[in-house]
Amino acid sequence: MSIKRLGALGLMIVLLAAVSVSTAGENHVRVALEPVDDSGITGWVNLSGFPHEKGAHINVIVSGLEPGEEFVSLYYDSHTCELEPYSEDDVIGDTYTGNGGGHATTVGEADDDLDEINSVSVRLVSDFSLLACADVHPEG
């Protein structure tokens, strides 16, 4: 087998693998929380769509929180966690506080389907300032 054919075969395998990964992840997305304004808040957001029902399950795992402070996470139509008119249904789980190590988790169910949720935030309850944002379906 020539080097050109071997290279083409390798490229085909890589492309097929990429297609398989994206297809397998249609009902699940894992995306990083990015700190806003050097907040130091990071973590992960795991979203899973319900296969035969409307809605999604959202799990927010956060690090870098100030212990004792109260936080809230919301999901949005925007890709930038831009504050928009929202309802209590957009809040993920309950408010939460960081443990002694600055970690916390909140879990909730969204009324919107996975493909309609474009970002997830971490906000400080006291003044609602945005501390971290995860772009669920990056545009591009």
N, C-alpha and C. Protein backbone atom coordinates (compact mmCIF):
# COMPACT_ATOMS: atom_id res chain seq x y z
N MET A 1 0.86 -1.17 0.00
CA MET A 1 0.00 0.00 0.00
C MET A 1 0.90 1.23 0.00
N SER A 2 0.59 2.18 -0.86
CA SER A 2 1.42 3.37 -0.98
C SER A 2 1.21 4.31 0.21
N ILE A 3 2.15 5.22 0.41
CA ILE A 3 2.08 6.19 1.50
C ILE A 3 0.85 7.09 1.33
N LYS A 4 0.55 7.49 0.07
CA LYS A 4 -0.62 8.35 -0.18
C LYS A 4 -1.91 7.64 0.22
N ARG A 5 -2.04 6.36 -0.15
CA ARG A 5 -3.25 5.61 0.20
C ARG A 5 -3.35 5.41 1.70
N LEU A 6 -2.24 5.14 2.33
CA LEU A 6 -2.23 4.95 3.78
C LEU A 6 -2.64 6.25 4.48
N GLY A 7 -2.13 7.38 3.99
CA GLY A 7 -2.50 8.69 4.56
C GLY A 7 -3.98 8.97 4.36
N ALA A 8 -4.49 8.69 3.18
CA ALA A 8 -5.92 8.91 2.89
C ALA A 8 -6.78 8.01 3.77
N LEU A 9 -6.37 6.76 3.97
CA LEU A 9 -7.11 5.83 4.81
C LEU A 9 -7.12 6.34 6.26
N GLY A 10 -5.98 6.84 6.72
CA GLY A 10 -5.90 7.38 8.08
C GLY A 10 -6.81 8.58 8.25
N LEU A 11 -6.84 9.47 7.28
CA LEU A 11 -7.70 10.64 7.33
C LEU A 11 -9.17 10.22 7.36
N MET A 12 -9.53 9.22 6.56
CA MET A 12 -10.90 8.73 6.53
C MET A 12 -11.30 8.17 7.90
N ILE A 13 -10.42 7.44 8.54
CA ILE A 13 -10.71 6.87 9.85
C ILE A 13 -10.93 7.97 10.87
N VAL A 14 -10.08 9.00 10.85
CA VAL A 14 -10.23 10.12 11.78
C VAL A 14 -11.56 10.83 11.55
N LEU A 15 -11.93 11.07 10.29
CA LEU A 15 -13.19 11.75 9.99
C LEU A 15 -14.39 10.92 10.43
N LEU A 16 -14.34 9.62 10.21
CA LEU A 16 -15.43 8.74 10.64
C LEU A 16 -15.55 8.74 12.15
N ALA A 17 -14.43 8.73 12.85
CA ALA A 17 -14.45 8.76 14.30
C ALA A 17 -15.07 10.06 14.80
N ALA A 18 -14.74 11.18 14.16
CA ALA A 18 -15.30 12.47 14.56
C ALA A 18 -16.81 12.49 14.37
N VAL A 19 -17.30 11.93 13.26
CA VAL A 19 -18.73 11.86 13.01
C VAL A 19 -19.41 11.00 14.07
N SER A 20 -18.80 9.88 14.42
CA SER A 20 -19.38 9.00 15.43
C SER A 20 -19.48 9.69 16.78
N VAL A 21 -18.47 10.46 17.17
CA VAL A 21 -18.48 11.13 18.46
C VAL A 21 -19.60 12.16 18.50
N SER A 22 -19.73 12.99 17.46
CA SER A 22 -20.76 14.02 17.48
C SER A 22 -22.16 13.41 17.43
N THR A 23 -22.34 12.32 16.73
CA THR A 23 -23.64 11.67 16.67
C THR A 23 -24.00 11.08 18.02
N ALA A 24 -23.03 10.46 18.70
CA ALA A 24 -23.29 9.83 19.99
C ALA A 24 -23.63 10.87 21.04
N GLY A 25 -23.17 12.11 20.88
CA GLY A 25 -23.38 13.14 21.88
C GLY A 25 -24.60 14.01 21.65
N GLU A 26 -25.50 13.64 20.75
CA GLU A 26 -26.65 14.48 20.44
C GLU A 26 -27.52 14.76 21.66
N ASN A 27 -27.62 13.83 22.60
CA ASN A 27 -28.45 14.03 23.77
C ASN A 27 -27.66 14.37 25.01
N HIS A 28 -26.36 14.64 24.86
CA HIS A 28 -25.54 15.01 26.01
C HIS A 28 -24.48 16.03 25.59
N VAL A 29 -24.31 17.05 26.41
CA VAL A 29 -23.29 18.06 26.17
C VAL A 29 -22.56 18.29 27.49
N ARG A 30 -21.23 18.35 27.42
CA ARG A 30 -20.40 18.73 28.57
C ARG A 30 -19.57 19.92 28.14
N VAL A 31 -19.69 21.02 28.89
CA VAL A 31 -18.99 22.24 28.50
C VAL A 31 -18.40 22.91 29.75
N ALA A 32 -17.26 23.55 29.56
CA ALA A 32 -16.56 24.20 30.67
C ALA A 32 -17.20 25.53 31.03
N LEU A 33 -17.23 25.83 32.32
CA LEU A 33 -17.59 27.16 32.81
C LEU A 33 -16.34 28.02 32.70
N GLU A 34 -16.47 29.18 32.09
CA GLU A 34 -15.35 30.10 31.92
C GLU A 34 -15.53 31.27 32.89
N PRO A 35 -14.47 31.64 33.61
CA PRO A 35 -14.59 32.77 34.54
C PRO A 35 -14.87 34.08 33.80
N VAL A 36 -15.63 34.95 34.43
CA VAL A 36 -15.95 36.28 33.89
C VAL A 36 -15.25 37.31 34.78
N ASP A 37 -14.59 38.29 34.17
CA ASP A 37 -13.90 39.38 34.89
C ASP A 37 -12.95 38.85 35.96
N ASP A 38 -12.16 37.84 35.60
CA ASP A 38 -11.15 37.28 36.52
C ASP A 38 -11.74 36.81 37.85
N SER A 39 -12.95 36.28 37.82
CA SER A 39 -13.61 35.82 39.05
C SER A 39 -12.93 34.59 39.66
N GLY A 40 -12.24 33.80 38.83
CA GLY A 40 -11.63 32.56 39.32
C GLY A 40 -12.61 31.40 39.40
N ILE A 41 -13.86 31.63 39.03
CA ILE A 41 -14.88 30.58 39.07
C ILE A 41 -14.75 29.73 37.81
N THR A 42 -14.61 28.41 37.99
CA THR A 42 -14.53 27.47 36.88
C THR A 42 -15.43 26.28 37.18
N GLY A 43 -15.42 25.33 36.29
CA GLY A 43 -16.20 24.11 36.51
C GLY A 43 -16.72 23.54 35.22
N TRP A 44 -17.75 22.72 35.34
CA TRP A 44 -18.34 22.03 34.20
C TRP A 44 -19.85 22.08 34.29
N VAL A 45 -20.47 22.05 33.13
CA VAL A 45 -21.92 21.92 33.03
C VAL A 45 -22.19 20.69 32.17
N ASN A 46 -22.97 19.78 32.70
CA ASN A 46 -23.40 18.59 31.96
C ASN A 46 -24.89 18.72 31.69
N LEU A 47 -25.27 18.63 30.42
CA LEU A 47 -26.68 18.72 30.03
C LEU A 47 -27.06 17.45 29.28
N SER A 48 -28.20 16.88 29.63
CA SER A 48 -28.69 15.69 28.95
C SER A 48 -30.14 15.92 28.54
N GLY A 49 -30.40 15.73 27.26
CA GLY A 49 -31.77 15.86 26.77
C GLY A 49 -32.55 14.60 27.06
N PHE A 50 -33.85 14.75 27.23
CA PHE A 50 -34.71 13.60 27.43
C PHE A 50 -35.12 13.08 26.05
N PRO A 51 -34.86 11.81 25.74
CA PRO A 51 -35.05 11.31 24.38
C PRO A 51 -36.49 11.40 23.86
N HIS A 52 -37.47 11.16 24.70
CA HIS A 52 -38.85 11.13 24.20
C HIS A 52 -39.75 12.15 24.89
N GLU A 53 -39.13 13.07 25.62
CA GLU A 53 -39.88 14.09 26.34
C GLU A 53 -39.24 15.44 26.08
N LYS A 54 -40.00 16.49 26.35
CA LYS A 54 -39.46 17.84 26.25
C LYS A 54 -38.68 18.13 27.53
N GLY A 55 -37.54 18.81 27.39
CA GLY A 55 -36.78 19.22 28.56
C GLY A 55 -35.38 18.64 28.58
N ALA A 56 -34.64 19.02 29.62
CA ALA A 56 -33.25 18.56 29.77
C ALA A 56 -32.89 18.52 31.25
N HIS A 57 -31.94 17.67 31.56
CA HIS A 57 -31.37 17.57 32.90
C HIS A 57 -30.06 18.36 32.89
N ILE A 58 -29.85 19.23 33.89
CA ILE A 58 -28.64 20.06 33.95
C ILE A 58 -27.94 19.85 35.29
N ASN A 59 -26.65 19.58 35.22
CA ASN A 59 -25.81 19.41 36.41
C ASN A 59 -24.67 20.43 36.30
N VAL A 60 -24.57 21.32 37.29
CA VAL A 60 -23.54 22.36 37.31
C VAL A 60 -22.56 22.03 38.43
N ILE A 61 -21.29 21.89 38.08
CA ILE A 61 -20.23 21.57 39.03
C ILE A 61 -19.27 22.75 39.05
N VAL A 62 -19.15 23.41 40.21
CA VAL A 62 -18.45 24.70 40.27
C VAL A 62 -17.28 24.63 41.26
N SER A 63 -16.17 25.29 40.89
CA SER A 63 -14.99 25.44 41.75
C SER A 63 -14.59 26.91 41.81
N GLY A 64 -13.86 27.26 42.85
CA GLY A 64 -13.37 28.63 43.00
C GLY A 64 -14.34 29.56 43.69
N LEU A 65 -15.37 29.00 44.33
CA LEU A 65 -16.36 29.82 45.02
C LEU A 65 -15.82 30.31 46.35
N GLU A 66 -16.29 31.46 46.77
CA GLU A 66 -15.98 31.98 48.10
C GLU A 66 -16.86 31.23 49.10
N PRO A 67 -16.26 30.45 50.01
CA PRO A 67 -17.08 29.72 50.99
C PRO A 67 -18.00 30.67 51.77
N GLY A 68 -19.22 30.24 51.97
CA GLY A 68 -20.19 31.03 52.72
C GLY A 68 -21.03 31.96 51.87
N GLU A 69 -20.56 32.33 50.68
CA GLU A 69 -21.36 33.17 49.77
C GLU A 69 -22.45 32.31 49.13
N GLU A 70 -23.54 32.94 48.73
CA GLU A 70 -24.65 32.23 48.11
C GLU A 70 -24.66 32.50 46.60
N PHE A 71 -24.83 31.43 45.80
CA PHE A 71 -24.77 31.50 44.35
C PHE A 71 -26.02 30.89 43.74
N VAL A 72 -26.26 31.25 42.47
CA VAL A 72 -27.38 30.70 41.72
C VAL A 72 -26.91 30.47 40.28
N SER A 73 -27.47 29.45 39.64
CA SER A 73 -27.18 29.18 38.22
C SER A 73 -28.49 29.23 37.44
N LEU A 74 -28.40 29.83 36.23
CA LEU A 74 -29.54 29.92 35.34
C LEU A 74 -29.12 29.44 33.95
N TYR A 75 -30.12 29.09 33.13
CA TYR A 75 -29.84 28.79 31.73
C TYR A 75 -30.53 29.84 30.87
N TYR A 76 -29.95 30.06 29.65
CA TYR A 76 -30.35 31.18 28.80
C TYR A 76 -30.51 30.76 27.34
N ASP A 77 -31.22 31.62 26.59
CA ASP A 77 -31.29 31.49 25.13
C ASP A 77 -30.02 32.06 24.50
N SER A 78 -29.40 33.06 25.15
CA SER A 78 -28.21 33.71 24.59
C SER A 78 -26.99 32.81 24.78
N HIS A 79 -25.92 33.09 24.05
CA HIS A 79 -24.67 32.33 24.17
C HIS A 79 -23.72 32.97 25.19
N THR A 80 -24.10 34.09 25.80
CA THR A 80 -23.19 34.85 26.65
C THR A 80 -23.70 35.02 28.08
N CYS A 81 -24.71 34.26 28.47
CA CYS A 81 -25.31 34.39 29.80
C CYS A 81 -25.86 35.79 30.02
N GLU A 82 -26.24 36.44 28.92
CA GLU A 82 -26.81 37.78 29.00
C GLU A 82 -28.12 37.72 29.75
N LEU A 83 -28.24 38.57 30.77
CA LEU A 83 -29.45 38.59 31.58
C LEU A 83 -30.62 39.04 30.72
N GLU A 84 -31.64 38.25 30.72
CA GLU A 84 -32.83 38.50 29.92
C GLU A 84 -34.02 38.25 30.83
N PRO A 85 -35.19 38.66 30.43
CA PRO A 85 -36.34 38.33 31.27
C PRO A 85 -36.38 36.81 31.48
N TYR A 86 -36.49 36.41 32.72
CA TYR A 86 -36.47 34.98 33.01
C TYR A 86 -37.55 34.66 34.03
N SER A 87 -37.82 33.39 34.16
CA SER A 87 -38.78 32.95 35.15
C SER A 87 -38.06 32.02 36.13
N GLU A 88 -38.73 31.67 37.19
CA GLU A 88 -38.16 30.74 38.17
C GLU A 88 -37.77 29.43 37.50
N ASP A 89 -38.44 29.08 36.41
CA ASP A 89 -38.14 27.83 35.70
C ASP A 89 -36.73 27.83 35.10
N ASP A 90 -36.14 29.01 34.90
CA ASP A 90 -34.80 29.11 34.31
C ASP A 90 -33.69 28.92 35.35
N VAL A 91 -34.05 28.88 36.63
CA VAL A 91 -33.08 28.66 37.70
C VAL A 91 -32.81 27.16 37.77
N ILE A 92 -31.54 26.80 37.86
CA ILE A 92 -31.14 25.39 37.92
C ILE A 92 -31.01 24.98 39.38
N GLY A 93 -31.88 24.10 39.82
CA GLY A 93 -31.86 23.64 41.20
C GLY A 93 -32.15 24.77 42.17
N ASP A 94 -31.45 24.75 43.30
CA ASP A 94 -31.61 25.76 44.33
C ASP A 94 -30.37 26.64 44.38
N THR A 95 -30.43 27.70 45.18
CA THR A 95 -29.21 28.47 45.43
C THR A 95 -28.25 27.55 46.18
N TYR A 96 -26.95 27.86 46.11
CA TYR A 96 -25.95 27.00 46.73
C TYR A 96 -24.81 27.83 47.29
N THR A 97 -24.07 27.23 48.21
CA THR A 97 -22.89 27.88 48.77
C THR A 97 -21.70 26.96 48.56
N GLY A 98 -20.53 27.54 48.44
CA GLY A 98 -19.31 26.77 48.29
C GLY A 98 -18.93 26.12 49.62
N ASN A 99 -18.43 24.90 49.54
CA ASN A 99 -17.95 24.25 50.76
C ASN A 99 -16.61 24.88 51.15
N GLY A 100 -15.95 24.34 52.16
CA GLY A 100 -14.69 24.90 52.63
C GLY A 100 -13.62 24.99 51.55
N GLY A 101 -13.69 24.11 50.55
CA GLY A 101 -12.73 24.12 49.45
C GLY A 101 -13.19 24.96 48.27
N GLY A 102 -14.37 25.61 48.38
CA GLY A 102 -14.87 26.45 47.30
C GLY A 102 -15.60 25.71 46.20
N HIS A 103 -16.07 24.48 46.49
CA HIS A 103 -16.75 23.67 45.48
C HIS A 103 -18.24 23.55 45.81
N ALA A 104 -19.06 23.41 44.77
CA ALA A 104 -20.49 23.20 44.95
C ALA A 104 -21.06 22.57 43.68
N THR A 105 -22.22 21.98 43.83
CA THR A 105 -22.95 21.38 42.71
C THR A 105 -24.42 21.73 42.84
N THR A 106 -25.06 21.97 41.71
CA THR A 106 -26.51 22.11 41.70
C THR A 106 -27.04 21.33 40.51
N VAL A 107 -28.24 20.80 40.67
CA VAL A 107 -28.86 19.95 39.65
C VAL A 107 -30.30 20.40 39.45
N GLY A 108 -30.76 20.41 38.21
CA GLY A 108 -32.14 20.77 37.95
C GLY A 108 -32.62 20.27 36.61
N GLU A 109 -33.90 20.45 36.39
CA GLU A 109 -34.54 20.06 35.14
C GLU A 109 -34.99 21.33 34.42
N ALA A 110 -34.73 21.39 33.12
CA ALA A 110 -35.15 22.53 32.30
C ALA A 110 -36.40 22.17 31.51
N ASP A 111 -37.27 23.14 31.34
CA ASP A 111 -38.45 22.94 30.49
C ASP A 111 -38.07 22.97 29.01
N ASP A 112 -36.97 23.67 28.69
CA ASP A 112 -36.53 23.78 27.30
C ASP A 112 -35.75 22.55 26.89
N ASP A 113 -35.79 22.24 25.60
CA ASP A 113 -35.01 21.13 25.06
C ASP A 113 -33.54 21.51 25.03
N LEU A 114 -32.68 20.50 24.96
CA LEU A 114 -31.24 20.70 24.98
C LEU A 114 -30.77 21.67 23.90
N ASP A 115 -31.34 21.58 22.70
CA ASP A 115 -30.90 22.45 21.61
C ASP A 115 -31.37 23.90 21.76
N GLU A 116 -32.23 24.18 22.75
CA GLU A 116 -32.70 25.54 23.00
C GLU A 116 -31.93 26.22 24.13
N ILE A 117 -31.10 25.47 24.85
CA ILE A 117 -30.31 26.01 25.95
C ILE A 117 -28.94 26.38 25.39
N ASN A 118 -28.61 27.67 25.37
CA ASN A 118 -27.37 28.12 24.75
C ASN A 118 -26.28 28.51 25.73
N SER A 119 -26.62 28.80 26.98
CA SER A 119 -25.59 29.09 27.97
C SER A 119 -26.12 28.84 29.37
N VAL A 120 -25.17 28.68 30.30
CA VAL A 120 -25.47 28.44 31.71
C VAL A 120 -24.53 29.32 32.52
N SER A 121 -25.07 29.94 33.58
CA SER A 121 -24.27 30.88 34.36
C SER A 121 -24.09 30.45 35.81
N VAL A 122 -23.11 31.11 36.44
CA VAL A 122 -22.97 31.14 37.89
C VAL A 122 -23.04 32.61 38.26
N ARG A 123 -23.97 32.97 39.15
CA ARG A 123 -24.16 34.35 39.58
C ARG A 123 -24.15 34.43 41.10
N LEU A 124 -23.69 35.56 41.60
CA LEU A 124 -23.74 35.84 43.02
C LEU A 124 -25.16 36.27 43.37
N VAL A 125 -25.76 35.66 44.38
CA VAL A 125 -27.14 35.97 44.73
C VAL A 125 -27.28 37.41 45.23
N SER A 126 -26.33 37.91 46.00
CA SER A 126 -26.46 39.22 46.64
C SER A 126 -26.64 40.37 45.65
N ASP A 127 -25.94 40.35 44.51
CA ASP A 127 -26.09 41.44 43.54
C ASP A 127 -26.32 40.93 42.11
N PHE A 128 -26.47 39.64 41.95
CA PHE A 128 -26.76 38.97 40.68
C PHE A 128 -25.64 39.15 39.65
N SER A 129 -24.43 39.47 40.11
CA SER A 129 -23.31 39.65 39.17
C SER A 129 -22.92 38.31 38.55
N LEU A 130 -22.55 38.36 37.28
CA LEU A 130 -22.14 37.19 36.52
C LEU A 130 -20.70 36.85 36.86
N LEU A 131 -20.45 35.60 37.31
CA LEU A 131 -19.11 35.18 37.70
C LEU A 131 -18.50 34.16 36.74
N ALA A 132 -19.35 33.36 36.08
CA ALA A 132 -18.87 32.37 35.12
C ALA A 132 -20.00 32.05 34.14
N CYS A 133 -19.58 31.65 32.92
CA CYS A 133 -20.55 31.35 31.88
C CYS A 133 -20.05 30.18 31.04
N ALA A 134 -20.95 29.30 30.68
CA ALA A 134 -20.64 28.18 29.78
C ALA A 134 -21.47 28.34 28.52
N ASP A 135 -20.82 28.44 27.37
CA ASP A 135 -21.51 28.52 26.07
C ASP A 135 -21.78 27.09 25.63
N VAL A 136 -23.01 26.67 25.70
CA VAL A 136 -23.39 25.28 25.47
C VAL A 136 -23.26 24.86 24.02
N HIS A 137 -23.69 25.70 23.11
CA HIS A 137 -23.62 25.42 21.68
C HIS A 137 -22.89 26.57 20.98
N PRO A 138 -21.57 26.60 21.05
CA PRO A 138 -20.84 27.74 20.46
C PRO A 138 -21.20 27.95 19.00
N GLU A 139 -21.40 29.21 18.66
CA GLU A 139 -21.70 29.57 17.27
C GLU A 139 -20.41 29.55 16.48
N GLY A 140 -20.51 29.21 15.25
CA GLY A 140 -19.28 29.29 14.46
C GLY A 140 -19.33 28.39 13.36
